[in-house]
């Protein structure tokens, strides 16, 4: 299958996911005071790796939010606590 026969929306979505995933990898590398290899984007774009990593990140975020909501007691309380912690 060639790029021309793929759904343009799907290609665009995969590209965006790869870019978002690469941004996260770069952020983590920066926190660890290391560099991301120049071919990281190519690697992430191969065999759906970026999409798989993105799904794992989304599941982790979902679990984090669920835990926070349970501890806060309600979505409204969670939103208030989050806003207070992140206001500048």
PDB file of N, CA and C in Angstrom:
ATOM      1  N   UNK A   1       0.843  -1.172   0.000  1.00  0.00           N
ATOM      2  CA  UNK A   1       0.000   0.000   0.000  1.00  0.00           C
ATOM      3  C   UNK A   1       0.890   1.238   0.000  1.00  0.00           C
ATOM      4  N   UNK A   2       0.569   2.212  -0.835  1.00  0.00           N
ATOM      5  CA  UNK A   2       1.360   3.440  -0.919  1.00  0.00           C
ATOM      6  C   UNK A   2       0.686   4.538  -0.124  1.00  0.00           C
ATOM      7  N   UNK A   3       1.438   5.597   0.097  1.00  0.00           N
ATOM      8  CA  UNK A   3       0.885   6.729   0.838  1.00  0.00           C
ATOM      9  C   UNK A   3      -0.315   7.318   0.111  1.00  0.00           C
ATOM     10  N   UNK A   4      -0.310   7.228  -1.216  1.00  0.00           N
ATOM     11  CA  UNK A   4      -1.416   7.783  -1.997  1.00  0.00           C
ATOM     12  C   UNK A   4      -2.712   7.022  -1.764  1.00  0.00           C
ATOM     13  N   UNK A   5      -2.639   5.745  -1.441  1.00  0.00           N
ATOM     14  CA  UNK A   5      -3.853   4.952  -1.239  1.00  0.00           C
ATOM     15  C   UNK A   5      -4.340   4.996   0.204  1.00  0.00           C
ATOM     16  N   UNK A   6      -3.556   5.558   1.096  1.00  0.00           N
ATOM     17  CA  UNK A   6      -3.971   5.655   2.495  1.00  0.00           C
ATOM     18  C   UNK A   6      -4.939   6.812   2.684  1.00  0.00           C
ATOM     19  N   UNK A   7      -5.766   6.698   3.666  1.00  0.00           N
ATOM     20  CA  UNK A   7      -6.690   7.767   4.029  1.00  0.00           C
ATOM     21  C   UNK A   7      -5.883   8.989   4.466  1.00  0.00           C
ATOM     22  N   UNK A   8      -6.054  10.146   3.809  1.00  0.00           N
ATOM     23  CA  UNK A   8      -5.275  11.337   4.176  1.00  0.00           C
ATOM     24  C   UNK A   8      -5.449  11.737   5.637  1.00  0.00           C
ATOM     25  N   UNK A   9      -6.676  11.579   6.169  1.00  0.00           N
ATOM     26  CA  UNK A   9      -6.915  11.916   7.574  1.00  0.00           C
ATOM     27  C   UNK A   9      -6.071  11.041   8.494  1.00  0.00           C
ATOM     28  N   UNK A  10      -6.008   9.750   8.168  1.00  0.00           N
ATOM     29  CA  UNK A  10      -5.250   8.811   8.980  1.00  0.00           C
ATOM     30  C   UNK A  10      -3.756   9.144   8.934  1.00  0.00           C
ATOM     31  N   UNK A  11      -3.249   9.466   7.748  1.00  0.00           N
ATOM     32  CA  UNK A  11      -1.836   9.846   7.618  1.00  0.00           C
ATOM     33  C   UNK A  11      -1.541  11.091   8.436  1.00  0.00           C
ATOM     34  N   UNK A  12      -2.431  12.083   8.336  1.00  0.00           N
ATOM     35  CA  UNK A  12      -2.235  13.322   9.079  1.00  0.00           C
ATOM     36  C   UNK A  12      -2.256  13.050  10.578  1.00  0.00           C
ATOM     37  N   UNK A  13      -3.205  12.227  11.018  1.00  0.00           N
ATOM     38  CA  UNK A  13      -3.324  11.902  12.441  1.00  0.00           C
ATOM     39  C   UNK A  13      -2.069  11.196  12.934  1.00  0.00           C
ATOM     40  N   UNK A  14      -1.559  10.240  12.159  1.00  0.00           N
ATOM     41  CA  UNK A  14      -0.345   9.533  12.559  1.00  0.00           C
ATOM     42  C   UNK A  14       0.844  10.477  12.636  1.00  0.00           C
ATOM     43  N   UNK A  15       0.929  11.422  11.692  1.00  0.00           N
ATOM     44  CA  UNK A  15       2.029  12.387  11.710  1.00  0.00           C
ATOM     45  C   UNK A  15       1.952  13.260  12.965  1.00  0.00           C
ATOM     46  N   UNK A  16       0.756  13.722  13.284  1.00  0.00           N
ATOM     47  CA  UNK A  16       0.572  14.550  14.480  1.00  0.00           C
ATOM     48  C   UNK A  16       0.931  13.764  15.727  1.00  0.00           C
ATOM     49  N   UNK A  17       0.475  12.521  15.803  1.00  0.00           N
ATOM     50  CA  UNK A  17       0.784  11.685  16.965  1.00  0.00           C
ATOM     51  C   UNK A  17       2.291  11.485  17.082  1.00  0.00           C
ATOM     52  N   UNK A  18       2.963  11.249  15.958  1.00  0.00           N
ATOM     53  CA  UNK A  18       4.418  11.073  15.987  1.00  0.00           C
ATOM     54  C   UNK A  18       5.093  12.343  16.474  1.00  0.00           C
ATOM     55  N   UNK A  19       4.616  13.494  16.039  1.00  0.00           N
ATOM     56  CA  UNK A  19       5.210  14.758  16.471  1.00  0.00           C
ATOM     57  C   UNK A  19       4.973  15.011  17.954  1.00  0.00           C
ATOM     58  N   UNK A  20       3.779  14.718  18.430  1.00  0.00           N
ATOM     59  CA  UNK A  20       3.470  14.879  19.855  1.00  0.00           C
ATOM     60  C   UNK A  20       4.344  13.922  20.677  1.00  0.00           C
ATOM     61  N   UNK A  21       4.419  12.679  20.227  1.00  0.00           N
ATOM     62  CA  UNK A  21       5.222  11.684  20.931  1.00  0.00           C
ATOM     63  C   UNK A  21       6.684  12.091  20.953  1.00  0.00           C
ATOM     64  N   UNK A  22       7.199  12.567  19.827  1.00  0.00           N
ATOM     65  CA  UNK A  22       8.589  13.019  19.769  1.00  0.00           C
ATOM     66  C   UNK A  22       8.809  14.180  20.731  1.00  0.00           C
ATOM     67  N   UNK A  23       7.862  15.086  20.821  1.00  0.00           N
ATOM     68  CA  UNK A  23       7.988  16.207  21.766  1.00  0.00           C
ATOM     69  C   UNK A  23       8.083  15.690  23.197  1.00  0.00           C
ATOM     70  N   UNK A  24       7.300  14.666  23.539  1.00  0.00           N
ATOM     71  CA  UNK A  24       7.371  14.088  24.881  1.00  0.00           C
ATOM     72  C   UNK A  24       8.724  13.412  25.117  1.00  0.00           C
ATOM     73  N   UNK A  25       9.197  12.676  24.123  1.00  0.00           N
ATOM     74  CA  UNK A  25      10.497  12.012  24.245  1.00  0.00           C
ATOM     75  C   UNK A  25      11.600  13.058  24.429  1.00  0.00           C
ATOM     76  N   UNK A  26      11.538  14.147  23.667  1.00  0.00           N
ATOM     77  CA  UNK A  26      12.538  15.213  23.800  1.00  0.00           C
ATOM     78  C   UNK A  26      12.474  15.863  25.176  1.00  0.00           C
ATOM     79  N   UNK A  27      11.261  16.055  25.686  1.00  0.00           N
ATOM     80  CA  UNK A  27      11.093  16.650  27.012  1.00  0.00           C
ATOM     81  C   UNK A  27      11.705  15.748  28.096  1.00  0.00           C
ATOM     82  N   UNK A  28      11.437  14.462  27.991  1.00  0.00           N
ATOM     83  CA  UNK A  28      11.993  13.511  28.957  1.00  0.00           C
ATOM     84  C   UNK A  28      13.513  13.483  28.858  1.00  0.00           C
ATOM     85  N   UNK A  29      14.024  13.489  27.641  1.00  0.00           N
ATOM     86  CA  UNK A  29      15.481  13.494  27.442  1.00  0.00           C
ATOM     87  C   UNK A  29      16.101  14.741  28.065  1.00  0.00           C
ATOM     88  N   UNK A  30      15.437  15.867  27.904  1.00  0.00           N
ATOM     89  CA  UNK A  30      15.932  17.112  28.488  1.00  0.00           C
ATOM     90  C   UNK A  30      15.963  17.005  30.015  1.00  0.00           C
ATOM     91  N   UNK A  31      14.926  16.441  30.603  1.00  0.00           N
ATOM     92  CA  UNK A  31      14.892  16.256  32.053  1.00  0.00           C
ATOM     93  C   UNK A  31      16.019  15.346  32.522  1.00  0.00           C
ATOM     94  N   UNK A  32      16.361  14.375  31.695  1.00  0.00           N
ATOM     95  CA  UNK A  32      17.438  13.435  32.032  1.00  0.00           C
ATOM     96  C   UNK A  32      18.812  13.951  31.603  1.00  0.00           C
ATOM     97  N   UNK A  33      18.811  15.167  31.069  1.00  0.00           N
ATOM     98  CA  UNK A  33      20.039  15.812  30.598  1.00  0.00           C
ATOM     99  C   UNK A  33      20.781  14.944  29.580  1.00  0.00           C
ATOM    100  N   UNK A  34      20.027  14.476  28.598  1.00  0.00           N
ATOM    101  CA  UNK A  34      20.598  13.683  27.518  1.00  0.00           C
ATOM    102  C   UNK A  34      19.993  14.159  26.205  1.00  0.00           C
ATOM    103  N   UNK A  35      20.491  13.671  25.116  1.00  0.00           N
ATOM    104  CA  UNK A  35      20.001  14.088  23.798  1.00  0.00           C
ATOM    105  C   UNK A  35      19.194  12.972  23.150  1.00  0.00           C
ATOM    106  N   UNK A  36      18.274  13.379  22.304  1.00  0.00           N
ATOM    107  CA  UNK A  36      17.494  12.431  21.517  1.00  0.00           C
ATOM    108  C   UNK A  36      18.242  12.236  20.202  1.00  0.00           C
ATOM    109  N   UNK A  37      18.443  10.993  19.786  1.00  0.00           N
ATOM    110  CA  UNK A  37      19.131  10.760  18.513  1.00  0.00           C
ATOM    111  C   UNK A  37      18.414  11.440  17.355  1.00  0.00           C
ATOM    112  N   UNK A  38      19.161  11.868  16.362  1.00  0.00           N
ATOM    113  CA  UNK A  38      18.597  12.563  15.212  1.00  0.00           C
ATOM    114  C   UNK A  38      17.582  11.747  14.437  1.00  0.00           C
ATOM    115  N   UNK A  39      17.669  10.433  14.503  1.00  0.00           N
ATOM    116  CA  UNK A  39      16.729   9.592  13.755  1.00  0.00           C
ATOM    117  C   UNK A  39      15.543   9.130  14.612  1.00  0.00           C
ATOM    118  N   UNK A  40      15.316   9.795  15.741  1.00  0.00           N
ATOM    119  CA  UNK A  40      14.219   9.389  16.638  1.00  0.00           C
ATOM    120  C   UNK A  40      12.868   9.513  15.950  1.00  0.00           C
ATOM    121  N   UNK A  41      12.658  10.576  15.183  1.00  0.00           N
ATOM    122  CA  UNK A  41      11.372  10.752  14.502  1.00  0.00           C
ATOM    123  C   UNK A  41      11.136   9.608  13.515  1.00  0.00           C
ATOM    124  N   UNK A  42      12.153   9.258  12.766  1.00  0.00           N
ATOM    125  CA  UNK A  42      12.015   8.153  11.809  1.00  0.00           C
ATOM    126  C   UNK A  42      11.687   6.866  12.552  1.00  0.00           C
ATOM    127  N   UNK A  43      12.406   6.614  13.635  1.00  0.00           N
ATOM    128  CA  UNK A  43      12.177   5.408  14.434  1.00  0.00           C
ATOM    129  C   UNK A  43      10.745   5.365  14.959  1.00  0.00           C
ATOM    130  N   UNK A  44      10.265   6.484  15.498  1.00  0.00           N
ATOM    131  CA  UNK A  44       8.905   6.526  16.045  1.00  0.00           C
ATOM    132  C   UNK A  44       7.850   6.338  14.961  1.00  0.00           C
ATOM    133  N   UNK A  45       8.133   6.800  13.751  1.00  0.00           N
ATOM    134  CA  UNK A  45       7.175   6.681  12.653  1.00  0.00           C
ATOM    135  C   UNK A  45       7.112   5.276  12.068  1.00  0.00           C
ATOM    136  N   UNK A  46       8.109   4.457  12.333  1.00  0.00           N
ATOM    137  CA  UNK A  46       8.132   3.100  11.798  1.00  0.00           C
ATOM    138  C   UNK A  46       7.203   2.183  12.592  1.00  0.00           C
ATOM    139  N   UNK A  47       6.505   1.332  11.870  1.00  0.00           N
ATOM    140  CA  UNK A  47       5.707   0.260  12.449  1.00  0.00           C
ATOM    141  C   UNK A  47       4.729   0.725  13.537  1.00  0.00           C
ATOM    142  N   UNK A  48       4.269   1.951  13.445  1.00  0.00           N
ATOM    143  CA  UNK A  48       3.268   2.443  14.382  1.00  0.00           C
ATOM    144  C   UNK A  48       3.763   2.643  15.805  1.00  0.00           C
ATOM    145  N   UNK A  49       5.086   2.763  15.987  1.00  0.00           N
ATOM    146  CA  UNK A  49       5.625   2.912  17.345  1.00  0.00           C
ATOM    147  C   UNK A  49       5.091   4.151  18.046  1.00  0.00           C
ATOM    148  N   UNK A  50       5.024   5.266  17.327  1.00  0.00           N
ATOM    149  CA  UNK A  50       4.544   6.507  17.950  1.00  0.00           C
ATOM    150  C   UNK A  50       3.108   6.347  18.420  1.00  0.00           C
ATOM    151  N   UNK A  51       2.282   5.736  17.590  1.00  0.00           N
ATOM    152  CA  UNK A  51       0.881   5.546  17.957  1.00  0.00           C
ATOM    153  C   UNK A  51       0.759   4.637  19.179  1.00  0.00           C
ATOM    154  N   UNK A  52       1.537   3.574  19.210  1.00  0.00           N
ATOM    155  CA  UNK A  52       1.497   2.673  20.363  1.00  0.00           C
ATOM    156  C   UNK A  52       1.953   3.387  21.630  1.00  0.00           C
ATOM    157  N   UNK A  53       3.014   4.173  21.536  1.00  0.00           N
ATOM    158  CA  UNK A  53       3.503   4.927  22.689  1.00  0.00           C
ATOM    159  C   UNK A  53       2.471   5.957  23.123  1.00  0.00           C
ATOM    160  N   UNK A  54       1.844   6.613  22.159  1.00  0.00           N
ATOM    161  CA  UNK A  54       0.818   7.608  22.454  1.00  0.00           C
ATOM    162  C   UNK A  54      -0.348   6.962  23.200  1.00  0.00           C
ATOM    163  N   UNK A  55      -0.775   5.760  22.759  1.00  0.00           N
ATOM    164  CA  UNK A  55      -1.873   5.072  23.444  1.00  0.00           C
ATOM    165  C   UNK A  55      -1.498   4.757  24.886  1.00  0.00           C
ATOM    166  N   UNK A  56      -0.265   4.347  25.124  1.00  0.00           N
ATOM    167  CA  UNK A  56       0.187   4.053  26.486  1.00  0.00           C
ATOM    168  C   UNK A  56       0.149   5.336  27.330  1.00  0.00           C
ATOM    169  N   UNK A  57       0.616   6.443  26.750  1.00  0.00           N
ATOM    170  CA  UNK A  57       0.599   7.719  27.480  1.00  0.00           C
ATOM    171  C   UNK A  57      -0.831   8.138  27.804  1.00  0.00           C
ATOM    172  N   UNK A  58      -1.752   7.953  26.874  1.00  0.00           N
ATOM    173  CA  UNK A  58      -3.149   8.337  27.108  1.00  0.00           C
ATOM    174  C   UNK A  58      -3.780   7.462  28.189  1.00  0.00           C
ATOM    175  N   UNK A  59      -3.482   6.163  28.181  1.00  0.00           N
ATOM    176  CA  UNK A  59      -4.009   5.277  29.233  1.00  0.00           C
ATOM    177  C   UNK A  59      -3.463   5.685  30.598  1.00  0.00           C
ATOM    178  N   UNK A  60      -2.177   6.014  30.647  1.00  0.00           N
ATOM    179  CA  UNK A  60      -1.568   6.440  31.909  1.00  0.00           C
ATOM    180  C   UNK A  60      -2.210   7.736  32.400  1.00  0.00           C
ATOM    181  N   UNK A  61      -2.445   8.652  31.489  1.00  0.00           N
ATOM    182  CA  UNK A  61      -3.091   9.918  31.867  1.00  0.00           C
ATOM    183  C   UNK A  61      -4.502   9.671  32.370  1.00  0.00           C
ATOM    184  N   UNK A  62      -5.219   8.788  31.704  1.00  0.00           N
ATOM    185  CA  UNK A  62      -6.574   8.458  32.126  1.00  0.00           C
ATOM    186  C   UNK A  62      -6.586   7.854  33.528  1.00  0.00           C
ATOM    187  N   UNK A  63      -5.680   6.943  33.794  1.00  0.00           N
ATOM    188  CA  UNK A  63      -5.603   6.328  35.120  1.00  0.00           C
ATOM    189  C   UNK A  63      -5.234   7.365  36.187  1.00  0.00           C
ATOM    190  N   UNK A  64      -4.321   8.272  35.848  1.00  0.00           N
ATOM    191  CA  UNK A  64      -3.935   9.337  36.777  1.00  0.00           C
ATOM    192  C   UNK A  64      -5.146  10.201  37.104  1.00  0.00           C
ATOM    193  N   UNK A  65      -5.900  10.600  36.082  1.00  0.00           N
ATOM    194  CA  UNK A  65      -7.069  11.452  36.304  1.00  0.00           C
ATOM    195  C   UNK A  65      -8.106  10.719  37.142  1.00  0.00           C
ATOM    196  N   UNK A  66      -8.346   9.450  36.853  1.00  0.00           N
ATOM    197  CA  UNK A  66      -9.309   8.666  37.646  1.00  0.00           C
ATOM    198  C   UNK A  66      -8.892   8.616  39.117  1.00  0.00           C
ATOM    199  N   UNK A  67      -7.611   8.381  39.362  1.00  0.00           N
ATOM    200  CA  UNK A  67      -7.108   8.323  40.736  1.00  0.00           C
ATOM    201  C   UNK A  67      -7.301   9.666  41.427  1.00  0.00           C
ATOM    202  N   UNK A  68      -6.951  10.733  40.726  1.00  0.00           N
ATOM    203  CA  UNK A  68      -7.109  12.069  41.309  1.00  0.00           C
ATOM    204  C   UNK A  68      -8.572  12.382  41.599  1.00  0.00           C
ATOM    205  N   UNK A  69      -9.456  11.996  40.695  1.00  0.00           N
ATOM    206  CA  UNK A  69     -10.885  12.236  40.909  1.00  0.00           C
ATOM    207  C   UNK A  69     -11.404  11.454  42.111  1.00  0.00           C
ATOM    208  N   UNK A  70     -10.962  10.195  42.240  1.00  0.00           N
ATOM    209  CA  UNK A  70     -11.382   9.392  43.395  1.00  0.00           C
ATOM    210  C   UNK A  70     -10.923  10.048  44.692  1.00  0.00           C
ATOM    211  N   UNK A  71      -9.681  10.519  44.702  1.00  0.00           N
ATOM    212  CA  UNK A  71      -9.143  11.130  45.919  1.00  0.00           C
ATOM    213  C   UNK A  71      -9.802  12.466  46.218  1.00  0.00           C
ATOM    214  N   UNK A  72     -10.165  13.219  45.189  1.00  0.00           N
ATOM    215  CA  UNK A  72     -10.785  14.528  45.385  1.00  0.00           C
ATOM    216  C   UNK A  72     -12.251  14.394  45.779  1.00  0.00           C
ATOM    217  N   UNK A  73     -12.863  13.283  45.412  1.00  0.00           N
ATOM    218  CA  UNK A  73     -14.252  13.069  45.777  1.00  0.00           C
ATOM    219  C   UNK A  73     -15.244  13.477  44.709  1.00  0.00           C
ATOM    220  N   UNK A  74     -14.885  14.426  43.846  1.00  0.00           N
ATOM    221  CA  UNK A  74     -15.791  14.831  42.771  1.00  0.00           C
ATOM    222  C   UNK A  74     -14.989  15.543  41.689  1.00  0.00           C
ATOM    223  N   UNK A  75     -15.504  15.526  40.469  1.00  0.00           N
ATOM    224  CA  UNK A  75     -14.809  16.238  39.389  1.00  0.00           C
ATOM    225  C   UNK A  75     -14.659  17.725  39.674  1.00  0.00           C
ATOM    226  N   UNK A  76     -15.669  18.309  40.316  1.00  0.00           N
ATOM    227  CA  UNK A  76     -15.613  19.743  40.610  1.00  0.00           C
ATOM    228  C   UNK A  76     -14.478  20.044  41.594  1.00  0.00           C
ATOM    229  N   UNK A  77     -14.350  19.231  42.639  1.00  0.00           N
ATOM    230  CA  UNK A  77     -13.273  19.426  43.611  1.00  0.00           C
ATOM    231  C   UNK A  77     -11.910  19.207  42.961  1.00  0.00           C
ATOM    232  N   UNK A  78     -11.829  18.215  42.082  1.00  0.00           N
ATOM    233  CA  UNK A  78     -10.572  17.960  41.376  1.00  0.00           C
ATOM    234  C   UNK A  78     -10.203  19.170  40.529  1.00  0.00           C
ATOM    235  N   UNK A  79     -11.185  19.706  39.800  1.00  0.00           N
ATOM    236  CA  UNK A  79     -10.925  20.863  38.942  1.00  0.00           C
ATOM    237  C   UNK A  79     -10.461  22.062  39.765  1.00  0.00           C
ATOM    238  N   UNK A  80     -11.079  22.268  40.901  1.00  0.00           N
ATOM    239  CA  UNK A  80     -10.669  23.380  41.773  1.00  0.00           C
ATOM    240  C   UNK A  80      -9.246  23.188  42.287  1.00  0.00           C
ATOM    241  N   UNK A  81      -8.946  21.987  42.746  1.00  0.00           N
ATOM    242  CA  UNK A  81      -7.610  21.709  43.265  1.00  0.00           C
ATOM    243  C   UNK A  81      -6.566  21.838  42.159  1.00  0.00           C
ATOM    244  N   UNK A  82      -6.889  21.341  40.976  1.00  0.00           N
ATOM    245  CA  UNK A  82      -5.952  21.443  39.856  1.00  0.00           C
ATOM    246  C   UNK A  82      -5.704  22.887  39.480  1.00  0.00           C
ATOM    247  N   UNK A  83      -6.786  23.675  39.404  1.00  0.00           N
ATOM    248  CA  UNK A  83      -6.661  25.084  39.050  1.00  0.00           C
ATOM    249  C   UNK A  83      -5.827  25.841  40.085  1.00  0.00           C
ATOM    250  N   UNK A  84      -6.045  25.521  41.366  1.00  0.00           N
ATOM    251  CA  UNK A  84      -5.297  26.194  42.414  1.00  0.00           C
ATOM    252  C   UNK A  84      -3.805  25.827  42.339  1.00  0.00           C
ATOM    253  N   UNK A  85      -3.514  24.583  42.042  1.00  0.00           N
ATOM    254  CA  UNK A  85      -2.123  24.137  41.971  1.00  0.00           C
ATOM    255  C   UNK A  85      -1.412  24.660  40.730  1.00  0.00           C
ATOM    256  N   UNK A  86      -2.153  24.974  39.687  1.00  0.00           N
ATOM    257  CA  UNK A  86      -1.532  25.384  38.425  1.00  0.00           C
ATOM    258  C   UNK A  86      -1.738  26.844  38.081  1.00  0.00           C
ATOM    259  N   UNK A  87      -2.327  27.613  38.966  1.00  0.00           N
ATOM    260  CA  UNK A  87      -2.502  29.038  38.680  1.00  0.00           C
ATOM    261  C   UNK A  87      -1.194  29.774  38.937  1.00  0.00           C
ATOM    262  N   UNK A  88      -1.017  30.800  38.186  1.00  0.00           N
ATOM    263  CA  UNK A  88       0.246  31.554  38.293  1.00  0.00           C
ATOM    264  C   UNK A  88       0.028  32.890  38.910  1.00  0.00           C
TER     265      UNK A  88
END
